[in-house]
Amino acid sequence: MTGTALWLAVIGMGVATYALRISFIALLARMELPRVFNEALGLVPAAVLAALVFPAFFRAGGTVDVSLANEHLLAGALATVVAWRTRNVLLTMGVGMATLVALRAMGQAF
């Protein structure tokens, strides 16, 4: 494939992707959606975040690890408790990261 053909393919796929996405936005902007549908859309960010984060907790080394030796799982559990109790994003991230660093440092010390 030549350079020109490659660029035309990339630009064409970009235009097609944009057109497909904007068509749904334009269509849904003119419609009144049922309440259940709007409530379900409100849960999408949490579902996407869970899908991205949970594998990192349970498969930190490439295999499923649900033991107390899994630093990612312990730090994530503590960060979850902090998030639940405080609802403070920066504090949650700070506690999670500090816990992970401390657990790794303790693991290297032993």
Protein backbone atom coordinates (compact mmCIF):
# COMPACT_ATOMS: atom_id res chain seq x y z
CA MET A 1 0.00 0.00 0.00
CA THR A 2 1.41 3.39 -0.95
CA GLY A 3 1.69 6.28 1.44
CA THR A 4 -1.14 8.15 -0.28
CA ALA A 5 -3.46 5.15 -0.15
CA LEU A 6 -2.67 4.63 3.52
CA TRP A 7 -3.45 8.25 4.39
CA LEU A 8 -6.68 8.14 2.38
CA ALA A 9 -7.71 4.98 4.25
CA VAL A 10 -6.94 6.54 7.64
CA ILE A 11 -8.79 9.76 6.80
CA GLY A 12 -11.72 7.84 5.32
CA MET A 13 -12.08 5.65 8.40
CA GLY A 14 -11.87 8.75 10.62
CA VAL A 15 -14.66 10.44 8.67
CA ALA A 16 -16.78 7.27 8.75
CA THR A 17 -16.29 6.87 12.51
CA TYR A 18 -17.12 10.51 13.16
CA ALA A 19 -20.22 10.36 10.94
CA LEU A 20 -21.48 7.24 12.70
CA ARG A 21 -21.04 8.75 16.16
CA ILE A 22 -22.46 12.17 15.32
CA SER A 23 -25.52 10.58 13.70
CA PHE A 24 -26.56 9.03 17.02
CA ILE A 25 -25.98 12.29 18.87
CA ALA A 26 -28.04 14.24 16.33
CA LEU A 27 -30.81 11.62 16.35
CA LEU A 28 -31.06 11.36 20.12
CA ALA A 29 -31.00 15.15 20.58
CA ARG A 30 -34.39 15.36 18.87
CA MET A 31 -36.01 12.50 20.76
CA GLU A 32 -37.36 12.27 24.28
CA LEU A 33 -35.82 9.12 25.76
CA PRO A 34 -37.62 6.99 28.34
CA ARG A 35 -36.61 7.61 31.96
CA VAL A 36 -35.21 4.07 32.31
CA PHE A 37 -32.90 4.63 29.33
CA ASN A 38 -31.60 7.91 30.78
CA GLU A 39 -30.98 6.25 34.15
CA ALA A 40 -29.10 3.41 32.44
CA LEU A 41 -26.93 5.91 30.56
CA GLY A 42 -26.07 7.51 33.88
CA LEU A 43 -24.49 4.23 35.00
CA VAL A 44 -22.22 3.89 31.97
CA PRO A 45 -19.25 5.85 33.41
CA ALA A 46 -19.15 3.68 36.54
CA ALA A 47 -19.37 0.50 34.44
CA VAL A 48 -16.55 1.62 32.15
CA LEU A 49 -14.38 2.59 35.12
CA ALA A 50 -14.99 -0.79 36.74
CA ALA A 51 -14.15 -2.60 33.51
CA LEU A 52 -10.85 -0.74 33.31
CA VAL A 53 -9.84 -0.89 36.97
CA PHE A 54 -10.89 -4.34 38.23
CA PRO A 55 -8.64 -6.36 35.92
CA ALA A 56 -5.68 -4.36 37.25
CA PHE A 57 -6.63 -5.35 40.80
CA PHE A 58 -7.11 -9.05 40.20
CA ARG A 59 -4.63 -9.73 37.37
CA ALA A 60 -1.69 -7.61 38.42
CA GLY A 61 0.93 -10.19 37.40
CA GLY A 62 -0.93 -11.54 34.38
CA THR A 63 -2.68 -14.29 36.33
CA VAL A 64 -5.67 -14.06 38.64
CA ASP A 65 -4.44 -13.39 42.17
CA VAL A 66 -6.97 -12.99 44.98
CA SER A 67 -4.55 -13.34 47.88
CA LEU A 68 -3.14 -11.05 50.53
CA ALA A 69 0.13 -11.05 48.57
CA ASN A 70 -1.50 -9.01 45.77
CA GLU A 71 -0.48 -5.42 46.56
CA HIS A 72 -2.78 -3.98 43.88
CA LEU A 73 -5.81 -5.66 45.41
CA LEU A 74 -4.98 -4.48 48.94
CA ALA A 75 -4.29 -0.90 47.83
CA GLY A 76 -7.46 -0.91 45.71
CA ALA A 77 -9.54 -2.21 48.61
CA LEU A 78 -8.24 0.51 50.92
CA ALA A 79 -8.78 3.17 48.25
CA THR A 80 -12.35 1.90 47.79
CA VAL A 81 -13.04 2.30 51.51
CA VAL A 82 -11.57 5.83 51.47
CA ALA A 83 -13.69 6.73 48.42
CA TRP A 84 -16.82 5.34 50.03
CA ARG A 85 -16.27 7.17 53.32
CA THR A 86 -14.93 10.53 52.06
CA ARG A 87 -16.12 10.89 48.43
CA ASN A 88 -12.85 12.76 47.83
CA VAL A 89 -11.18 11.76 44.56
CA LEU A 90 -7.75 13.23 45.29
CA LEU A 91 -7.60 11.68 48.76
CA THR A 92 -8.67 8.33 47.32
CA MET A 93 -5.97 8.41 44.67
CA GLY A 94 -3.35 9.54 47.16
CA VAL A 95 -4.20 6.82 49.69
CA GLY A 96 -4.29 4.15 46.99
CA MET A 97 -0.96 5.16 45.50
CA ALA A 98 0.73 5.61 48.88
CA THR A 99 -0.54 2.21 50.01
CA LEU A 100 0.75 0.53 46.85
CA VAL A 101 4.18 2.17 47.22
CA ALA A 102 4.36 1.21 50.90
CA LEU A 103 3.33 -2.39 50.24
CA ARG A 104 5.89 -2.73 47.47
CA ALA A 105 8.59 -1.25 49.69
CA MET A 106 7.70 -3.67 52.49
CA GLY A 107 7.71 -6.56 50.01
CA GLN A 108 11.21 -5.67 48.80
CA ALA A 109 12.45 -5.32 52.35
CA PHE A 110 11.52 -8.92 53.20
